[in-house]
Amino acid sequence: MSLRQRSSSLSISNDPPSTSTSAAVTPPPPSPPPPPRQNALSQALQSSAHLANLLPTGTLLAFQLLTPIFTHNGSCDFVTRPMTLILLLILALSCFLASFTDSVRASDGQVYYGFATVKGLWLFDNTVSSGLPELSKYRLNFIDVVHAVLSVLVFVAVGLRDKNVVSCFYPTPGLEVQEVLDVVPIGIGLVCSLLFVAFPTRRNGIGYPVTRDR
């Protein structure tokens, strides 16, 4: 009786261990290496590119469509160079004036656009007579002037980063000129981004994205 119990206990002890206890825990796959950090120059250029969102979309679209045509893809001559300069001045003036435009929503839900003056908002559609908020609270202020100047500076920075414009006015830039073309847009982007944060605009003008409901 005791011998059978001993043999059965020996047979149990000689059994192979369970697979659940012997199986090793599979380690998790190694995490992919972090992407390389961008240098300060690329980060500054990326932040400068985001500032293009602060420009009127119509002006920016006209710039992207017309500059290759006016500059012949960067190959300017004595005729196309002044034409390109006039085009850039007109687009810069468009950025400046668009900063003074604003929109209001009437009681029927219709949106009307106008131009900010020292007395209030002058609507482009003069047939509206009722259902509008008080237009005097949309009068011109110092923030609008700051935003208009910054918009022109941002447009200059975008123009200096355009290869067609640079090739038109500086086909073979020297070392000093190339350094200026590389540094000035970054400096403009940094200063304008700080000033836009310090002096935010509350206007929903023509060509600008609507940031709040009115």
C-alpha atoms as a PDB file:
ATOM      1  CA  MET A   1       0.000   0.000   0.000  1.00  0.00           C
ATOM      2  CA  SER A   2       2.802   2.352   0.950  1.00  0.00           C
ATOM      3  CA  LEU A   3       4.887   1.250  -2.019  1.00  0.00           C
ATOM      4  CA  ARG A   4       2.075   2.169  -4.439  1.00  0.00           C
ATOM      5  CA  GLN A   5       1.721   5.576  -2.844  1.00  0.00           C
ATOM      6  CA  ARG A   6       5.489   6.156  -3.152  1.00  0.00           C
ATOM      7  CA  SER A   7       5.543   5.083  -6.796  1.00  0.00           C
ATOM      8  CA  SER A   8       2.591   7.304  -7.636  1.00  0.00           C
ATOM      9  CA  SER A   9       4.238  10.264  -5.923  1.00  0.00           C
ATOM     10  CA  LEU A  10       7.467   9.611  -7.809  1.00  0.00           C
ATOM     11  CA  SER A  11       5.596   9.468 -11.108  1.00  0.00           C
ATOM     12  CA  ILE A  12       3.910  12.775 -10.396  1.00  0.00           C
ATOM     13  CA  SER A  13       7.202  14.393  -9.510  1.00  0.00           C
ATOM     14  CA  ASN A  14       8.781  13.139 -12.733  1.00  0.00           C
ATOM     15  CA  ASP A  15       6.072  14.646 -14.933  1.00  0.00           C
ATOM     16  CA  PRO A  16       7.272  17.527 -17.139  1.00  0.00           C
ATOM     17  CA  PRO A  17       6.336  20.986 -15.869  1.00  0.00           C
ATOM     18  CA  SER A  18       3.255  22.680 -17.205  1.00  0.00           C
ATOM     19  CA  THR A  19       3.643  24.788 -20.307  1.00  0.00           C
ATOM     20  CA  SER A  20       1.797  27.661 -18.657  1.00  0.00           C
ATOM     21  CA  THR A  21       4.453  28.003 -15.958  1.00  0.00           C
ATOM     22  CA  SER A  22       7.464  27.275 -18.153  1.00  0.00           C
ATOM     23  CA  ALA A  23       6.544  29.573 -21.031  1.00  0.00           C
ATOM     24  CA  ALA A  24       8.544  32.779 -20.832  1.00  0.00           C
ATOM     25  CA  VAL A  25       6.755  36.103 -21.091  1.00  0.00           C
ATOM     26  CA  THR A  26       7.287  37.559 -24.575  1.00  0.00           C
ATOM     27  CA  PRO A  27       8.907  40.996 -24.250  1.00  0.00           C
ATOM     28  CA  PRO A  28       7.135  43.875 -26.015  1.00  0.00           C
ATOM     29  CA  PRO A  29       8.567  44.906 -29.374  1.00  0.00           C
ATOM     30  CA  PRO A  30      11.120  47.686 -29.124  1.00  0.00           C
ATOM     31  CA  SER A  31       9.729  51.153 -29.674  1.00  0.00           C
ATOM     32  CA  PRO A  32      10.805  52.827 -32.906  1.00  0.00           C
ATOM     33  CA  PRO A  33      13.561  55.372 -32.547  1.00  0.00           C
ATOM     34  CA  PRO A  34      12.367  58.951 -32.213  1.00  0.00           C
ATOM     35  CA  PRO A  35      12.507  60.995 -35.405  1.00  0.00           C
ATOM     36  CA  PRO A  36      15.495  63.283 -35.719  1.00  0.00           C
ATOM     37  CA  ARG A  37      15.001  66.768 -34.395  1.00  0.00           C
ATOM     38  CA  GLN A  38      14.680  69.562 -36.849  1.00  0.00           C
ATOM     39  CA  ASN A  39      17.279  72.208 -36.608  1.00  0.00           C
ATOM     40  CA  ALA A  40      16.479  75.749 -35.592  1.00  0.00           C
ATOM     41  CA  LEU A  41      16.480  76.984 -39.188  1.00  0.00           C
ATOM     42  CA  SER A  42      13.836  74.540 -40.404  1.00  0.00           C
ATOM     43  CA  GLN A  43      11.652  75.192 -37.366  1.00  0.00           C
ATOM     44  CA  ALA A  44      11.854  78.927 -37.944  1.00  0.00           C
ATOM     45  CA  LEU A  45      10.969  78.514 -41.609  1.00  0.00           C
ATOM     46  CA  GLN A  46       8.044  76.306 -40.670  1.00  0.00           C
ATOM     47  CA  SER A  47       6.729  78.895 -38.230  1.00  0.00           C
ATOM     48  CA  SER A  48       7.164  81.562 -40.895  1.00  0.00           C
ATOM     49  CA  ALA A  49       5.174  79.450 -43.337  1.00  0.00           C
ATOM     50  CA  HIS A  50       2.309  79.181 -40.840  1.00  0.00           C
ATOM     51  CA  LEU A  51       2.097  82.977 -40.823  1.00  0.00           C
ATOM     52  CA  ALA A  52       0.749  82.802 -44.360  1.00  0.00           C
ATOM     53  CA  ASN A  53      -2.569  81.879 -42.755  1.00  0.00           C
ATOM     54  CA  LEU A  54      -2.706  85.464 -41.446  1.00  0.00           C
ATOM     55  CA  LEU A  55      -2.782  86.815 -44.995  1.00  0.00           C
ATOM     56  CA  PRO A  56      -5.986  87.239 -47.011  1.00  0.00           C
ATOM     57  CA  THR A  57      -6.590  84.019 -48.906  1.00  0.00           C
ATOM     58  CA  GLY A  58      -7.463  85.861 -52.110  1.00  0.00           C
ATOM     59  CA  THR A  59      -4.241  87.868 -52.032  1.00  0.00           C
ATOM     60  CA  LEU A  60      -2.152  84.793 -51.298  1.00  0.00           C
ATOM     61  CA  LEU A  61      -3.848  82.845 -54.095  1.00  0.00           C
ATOM     62  CA  ALA A  62      -3.267  85.695 -56.552  1.00  0.00           C
ATOM     63  CA  PHE A  63       0.390  85.808 -55.500  1.00  0.00           C
ATOM     64  CA  GLN A  64       0.869  82.090 -56.093  1.00  0.00           C
ATOM     65  CA  LEU A  65      -0.883  82.168 -59.469  1.00  0.00           C
ATOM     66  CA  LEU A  66       0.477  85.404 -60.937  1.00  0.00           C
ATOM     67  CA  THR A  67       4.119  85.481 -59.851  1.00  0.00           C
ATOM     68  CA  PRO A  68       5.173  82.547 -62.086  1.00  0.00           C
ATOM     69  CA  ILE A  69       3.461  84.277 -65.025  1.00  0.00           C
ATOM     70  CA  PHE A  70       4.830  87.773 -64.403  1.00  0.00           C
ATOM     71  CA  THR A  71       8.357  86.537 -63.684  1.00  0.00           C
ATOM     72  CA  HIS A  72       8.469  83.858 -66.413  1.00  0.00           C
ATOM     73  CA  ASN A  73       9.307  81.360 -63.664  1.00  0.00           C
ATOM     74  CA  GLY A  74      12.056  83.580 -62.313  1.00  0.00           C
ATOM     75  CA  SER A  75      13.581  84.644 -65.637  1.00  0.00           C
ATOM     76  CA  CYS A  76      12.811  88.359 -65.600  1.00  0.00           C
ATOM     77  CA  ASP A  77      13.942  90.969 -68.109  1.00  0.00           C
ATOM     78  CA  PHE A  78      13.800  94.758 -68.145  1.00  0.00           C
ATOM     79  CA  VAL A  79      10.037  94.625 -68.896  1.00  0.00           C
ATOM     80  CA  THR A  80       8.791  91.896 -66.571  1.00  0.00           C
ATOM     81  CA  ARG A  81      10.866  93.073 -63.582  1.00  0.00           C
ATOM     82  CA  PRO A  82       9.002  96.395 -63.087  1.00  0.00           C
ATOM     83  CA  MET A  83       5.711  94.626 -63.819  1.00  0.00           C
ATOM     84  CA  THR A  84       6.468  92.132 -61.070  1.00  0.00           C
ATOM     85  CA  LEU A  85       7.344  94.955 -58.705  1.00  0.00           C
ATOM     86  CA  ILE A  86       4.026  96.684 -59.438  1.00  0.00           C
ATOM     87  CA  LEU A  87       2.198  93.399 -58.864  1.00  0.00           C
ATOM     88  CA  LEU A  88       3.869  92.928 -55.483  1.00  0.00           C
ATOM     89  CA  LEU A  89       3.028  96.495 -54.451  1.00  0.00           C
ATOM     90  CA  ILE A  90      -0.623  96.004 -55.395  1.00  0.00           C
ATOM     91  CA  LEU A  91      -0.814  92.737 -53.449  1.00  0.00           C
ATOM     92  CA  ALA A  92       0.869  94.335 -50.433  1.00  0.00           C
ATOM     93  CA  LEU A  93      -1.665  97.184 -50.585  1.00  0.00           C
ATOM     94  CA  SER A  94      -4.418  94.567 -50.742  1.00  0.00           C
ATOM     95  CA  CYS A  95      -3.097  92.977 -47.542  1.00  0.00           C
ATOM     96  CA  PHE A  96      -3.017  96.380 -45.865  1.00  0.00           C
ATOM     97  CA  LEU A  97      -6.556  97.376 -46.838  1.00  0.00           C
ATOM     98  CA  ALA A  98      -8.051  93.946 -46.147  1.00  0.00           C
ATOM     99  CA  SER A  99      -6.987  94.283 -42.510  1.00  0.00           C
ATOM    100  CA  PHE A 100      -9.559  97.068 -42.078  1.00  0.00           C
ATOM    101  CA  THR A 101     -12.474  95.009 -43.404  1.00  0.00           C
ATOM    102  CA  ASP A 102     -14.940  93.345 -41.063  1.00  0.00           C
ATOM    103  CA  SER A 103     -18.228  91.468 -41.135  1.00  0.00           C
ATOM    104  CA  VAL A 104     -21.476  91.619 -39.174  1.00  0.00           C
ATOM    105  CA  ARG A 105     -24.375  89.214 -38.972  1.00  0.00           C
ATOM    106  CA  ALA A 106     -27.909  90.510 -39.271  1.00  0.00           C
ATOM    107  CA  SER A 107     -30.904  89.165 -37.393  1.00  0.00           C
ATOM    108  CA  ASP A 108     -31.872  87.010 -40.389  1.00  0.00           C
ATOM    109  CA  GLY A 109     -28.469  85.290 -40.345  1.00  0.00           C
ATOM    110  CA  GLN A 110     -27.094  87.074 -43.403  1.00  0.00           C
ATOM    111  CA  VAL A 111     -23.453  88.199 -43.179  1.00  0.00           C
ATOM    112  CA  TYR A 112     -22.532  91.674 -44.445  1.00  0.00           C
ATOM    113  CA  TYR A 113     -19.040  92.999 -45.034  1.00  0.00           C
ATOM    114  CA  GLY A 114     -17.774  96.507 -44.571  1.00  0.00           C
ATOM    115  CA  PHE A 115     -14.783  98.764 -44.053  1.00  0.00           C
ATOM    116  CA  ALA A 116     -13.800 100.010 -40.607  1.00  0.00           C
ATOM    117  CA  THR A 117     -13.672 103.792 -40.210  1.00  0.00           C
ATOM    118  CA  VAL A 118     -13.145 106.100 -37.243  1.00  0.00           C
ATOM    119  CA  LYS A 119     -16.930 106.422 -36.881  1.00  0.00           C
ATOM    120  CA  GLY A 120     -17.822 102.766 -37.286  1.00  0.00           C
ATOM    121  CA  LEU A 121     -18.237 100.058 -39.888  1.00  0.00           C
ATOM    122  CA  TRP A 122     -19.187 101.272 -43.357  1.00  0.00           C
ATOM    123  CA  LEU A 123     -21.061  98.462 -45.113  1.00  0.00           C
ATOM    124  CA  PHE A 124     -20.481  97.731 -48.762  1.00  0.00           C
ATOM    125  CA  ASP A 125     -24.169  96.903 -49.138  1.00  0.00           C
ATOM    126  CA  ASN A 126     -25.941 100.169 -48.312  1.00  0.00           C
ATOM    127  CA  THR A 127     -29.425  98.705 -48.854  1.00  0.00           C
ATOM    128  CA  VAL A 128     -29.436  97.052 -45.412  1.00  0.00           C
ATOM    129  CA  SER A 129     -31.477  99.149 -42.998  1.00  0.00           C
ATOM    130  CA  SER A 130     -32.608  96.914 -40.138  1.00  0.00           C
ATOM    131  CA  GLY A 131     -31.620  93.844 -38.195  1.00  0.00           C
ATOM    132  CA  LEU A 132     -27.972  94.876 -37.785  1.00  0.00           C
ATOM    133  CA  PRO A 133     -25.995  95.319 -34.558  1.00  0.00           C
ATOM    134  CA  GLU A 134     -24.606  98.661 -33.534  1.00  0.00           C
ATOM    135  CA  LEU A 135     -22.020  99.519 -36.196  1.00  0.00           C
ATOM    136  CA  SER A 136     -20.238 102.151 -34.110  1.00  0.00           C
ATOM    137  CA  LYS A 137     -18.567  99.487 -31.959  1.00  0.00           C
ATOM    138  CA  TYR A 138     -16.689  98.251 -35.031  1.00  0.00           C
ATOM    139  CA  ARG A 139     -14.822 101.529 -35.427  1.00  0.00           C
ATOM    140  CA  LEU A 140     -11.158 101.722 -36.419  1.00  0.00           C
ATOM    141  CA  ASN A 141      -8.623 101.348 -33.608  1.00  0.00           C
ATOM    142  CA  PHE A 142      -4.890 101.056 -33.037  1.00  0.00           C
ATOM    143  CA  ILE A 143      -4.925  97.251 -33.206  1.00  0.00           C
ATOM    144  CA  ASP A 144      -6.170  97.413 -36.790  1.00  0.00           C
ATOM    145  CA  VAL A 145      -3.224  99.582 -37.850  1.00  0.00           C
ATOM    146  CA  VAL A 146      -0.776  97.207 -36.152  1.00  0.00           C
ATOM    147  CA  HIS A 147      -2.389  94.210 -37.826  1.00  0.00           C
ATOM    148  CA  ALA A 148      -2.290  95.918 -41.231  1.00  0.00           C
ATOM    149  CA  VAL A 149       1.431  96.674 -40.912  1.00  0.00           C
ATOM    150  CA  LEU A 150       2.161  93.132 -39.729  1.00  0.00           C
ATOM    151  CA  SER A 151       0.207  91.671 -42.642  1.00  0.00           C
ATOM    152  CA  VAL A 152       2.337  93.634 -45.097  1.00  0.00           C
ATOM    153  CA  LEU A 153       5.502  92.439 -43.337  1.00  0.00           C
ATOM    154  CA  VAL A 154       4.309  88.845 -43.493  1.00  0.00           C
ATOM    155  CA  PHE A 155       3.629  89.267 -47.208  1.00  0.00           C
ATOM    156  CA  VAL A 156       7.177  90.588 -47.648  1.00  0.00           C
ATOM    157  CA  ALA A 157       8.514  87.527 -45.804  1.00  0.00           C
ATOM    158  CA  VAL A 158       6.489  85.205 -48.042  1.00  0.00           C
ATOM    159  CA  GLY A 159       7.738  87.033 -51.120  1.00  0.00           C
ATOM    160  CA  LEU A 160      11.353  86.737 -50.012  1.00  0.00           C
ATOM    161  CA  ARG A 161      10.909  82.983 -49.648  1.00  0.00           C
ATOM    162  CA  ASP A 162       9.446  82.599 -53.150  1.00  0.00           C
ATOM    163  CA  LYS A 163      12.030  81.296 -55.602  1.00  0.00           C
ATOM    164  CA  ASN A 164      10.468  83.062 -58.588  1.00  0.00           C
ATOM    165  CA  VAL A 165      10.555  86.468 -56.914  1.00  0.00           C
ATOM    166  CA  VAL A 166      14.092  85.983 -55.626  1.00  0.00           C
ATOM    167  CA  SER A 167      15.334  84.771 -59.014  1.00  0.00           C
ATOM    168  CA  CYS A 168      13.658  87.730 -60.696  1.00  0.00           C
ATOM    169  CA  PHE A 169      15.276  90.459 -58.593  1.00  0.00           C
ATOM    170  CA  TYR A 170      18.426  88.597 -57.516  1.00  0.00           C
ATOM    171  CA  PRO A 171      19.334  86.083 -60.228  1.00  0.00           C
ATOM    172  CA  THR A 172      22.897  85.643 -58.922  1.00  0.00           C
ATOM    173  CA  PRO A 173      22.914  86.876 -55.316  1.00  0.00           C
ATOM    174  CA  GLY A 174      26.211  87.364 -53.557  1.00  0.00           C
ATOM    175  CA  LEU A 175      27.081  85.883 -50.210  1.00  0.00           C
ATOM    176  CA  GLU A 176      25.875  88.880 -48.215  1.00  0.00           C
ATOM    177  CA  VAL A 177      22.634  89.155 -50.190  1.00  0.00           C
ATOM    178  CA  GLN A 178      21.950  85.441 -49.764  1.00  0.00           C
ATOM    179  CA  GLU A 179      22.481  85.740 -46.018  1.00  0.00           C
ATOM    180  CA  VAL A 180      19.998  88.603 -45.895  1.00  0.00           C
ATOM    181  CA  LEU A 181      17.465  86.604 -47.911  1.00  0.00           C
ATOM    182  CA  ASP A 182      17.842  83.694 -45.503  1.00  0.00           C
ATOM    183  CA  VAL A 183      17.766  85.651 -42.245  1.00  0.00           C
ATOM    184  CA  VAL A 184      15.292  88.490 -42.864  1.00  0.00           C
ATOM    185  CA  PRO A 185      12.178  86.295 -43.458  1.00  0.00           C
ATOM    186  CA  ILE A 186      12.948  84.337 -40.309  1.00  0.00           C
ATOM    187  CA  GLY A 187      13.325  87.525 -38.290  1.00  0.00           C
ATOM    188  CA  ILE A 188      10.098  88.933 -39.719  1.00  0.00           C
ATOM    189  CA  GLY A 189       8.279  85.706 -38.916  1.00  0.00           C
ATOM    190  CA  LEU A 190       9.516  85.669 -35.326  1.00  0.00           C
ATOM    191  CA  VAL A 191       8.710  89.337 -34.644  1.00  0.00           C
ATOM    192  CA  CYS A 192       5.315  89.183 -36.345  1.00  0.00           C
ATOM    193  CA  SER A 193       4.306  86.004 -34.521  1.00  0.00           C
ATOM    194  CA  LEU A 194       5.096  87.646 -31.176  1.00  0.00           C
ATOM    195  CA  LEU A 195       3.234  90.829 -32.083  1.00  0.00           C
ATOM    196  CA  PHE A 196       0.233  88.917 -33.398  1.00  0.00           C
ATOM    197  CA  VAL A 197       0.015  87.171 -30.030  1.00  0.00           C
ATOM    198  CA  ALA A 198       0.413  90.453 -28.156  1.00  0.00           C
ATOM    199  CA  PHE A 199      -2.051  92.329 -30.392  1.00  0.00           C
ATOM    200  CA  PRO A 200      -4.626  89.792 -31.648  1.00  0.00           C
ATOM    201  CA  THR A 201      -7.218  90.973 -34.104  1.00  0.00           C
ATOM    202  CA  ARG A 202     -10.918  90.379 -33.629  1.00  0.00           C
ATOM    203  CA  ARG A 203     -12.034  91.240 -37.127  1.00  0.00           C
ATOM    204  CA  ASN A 204     -13.436  88.737 -39.616  1.00  0.00           C
ATOM    205  CA  GLY A 205     -12.589  90.588 -42.783  1.00  0.00           C
ATOM    206  CA  ILE A 206     -12.721  89.659 -46.436  1.00  0.00           C
ATOM    207  CA  GLY A 207     -10.429  86.758 -47.174  1.00  0.00           C
ATOM    208  CA  TYR A 208      -9.642  85.971 -43.529  1.00  0.00           C
ATOM    209  CA  PRO A 209     -10.869  82.808 -41.784  1.00  0.00           C
ATOM    210  CA  VAL A 210     -13.886  83.222 -39.529  1.00  0.00           C
ATOM    211  CA  THR A 211     -12.636  82.733 -35.969  1.00  0.00           C
ATOM    212  CA  ARG A 212     -15.833  83.480 -34.092  1.00  0.00           C
ATOM    213  CA  ASP A 213     -19.536  83.728 -34.724  1.00  0.00           C
ATOM    214  CA  ARG A 214     -21.130  87.139 -34.835  1.00  0.00           C
END
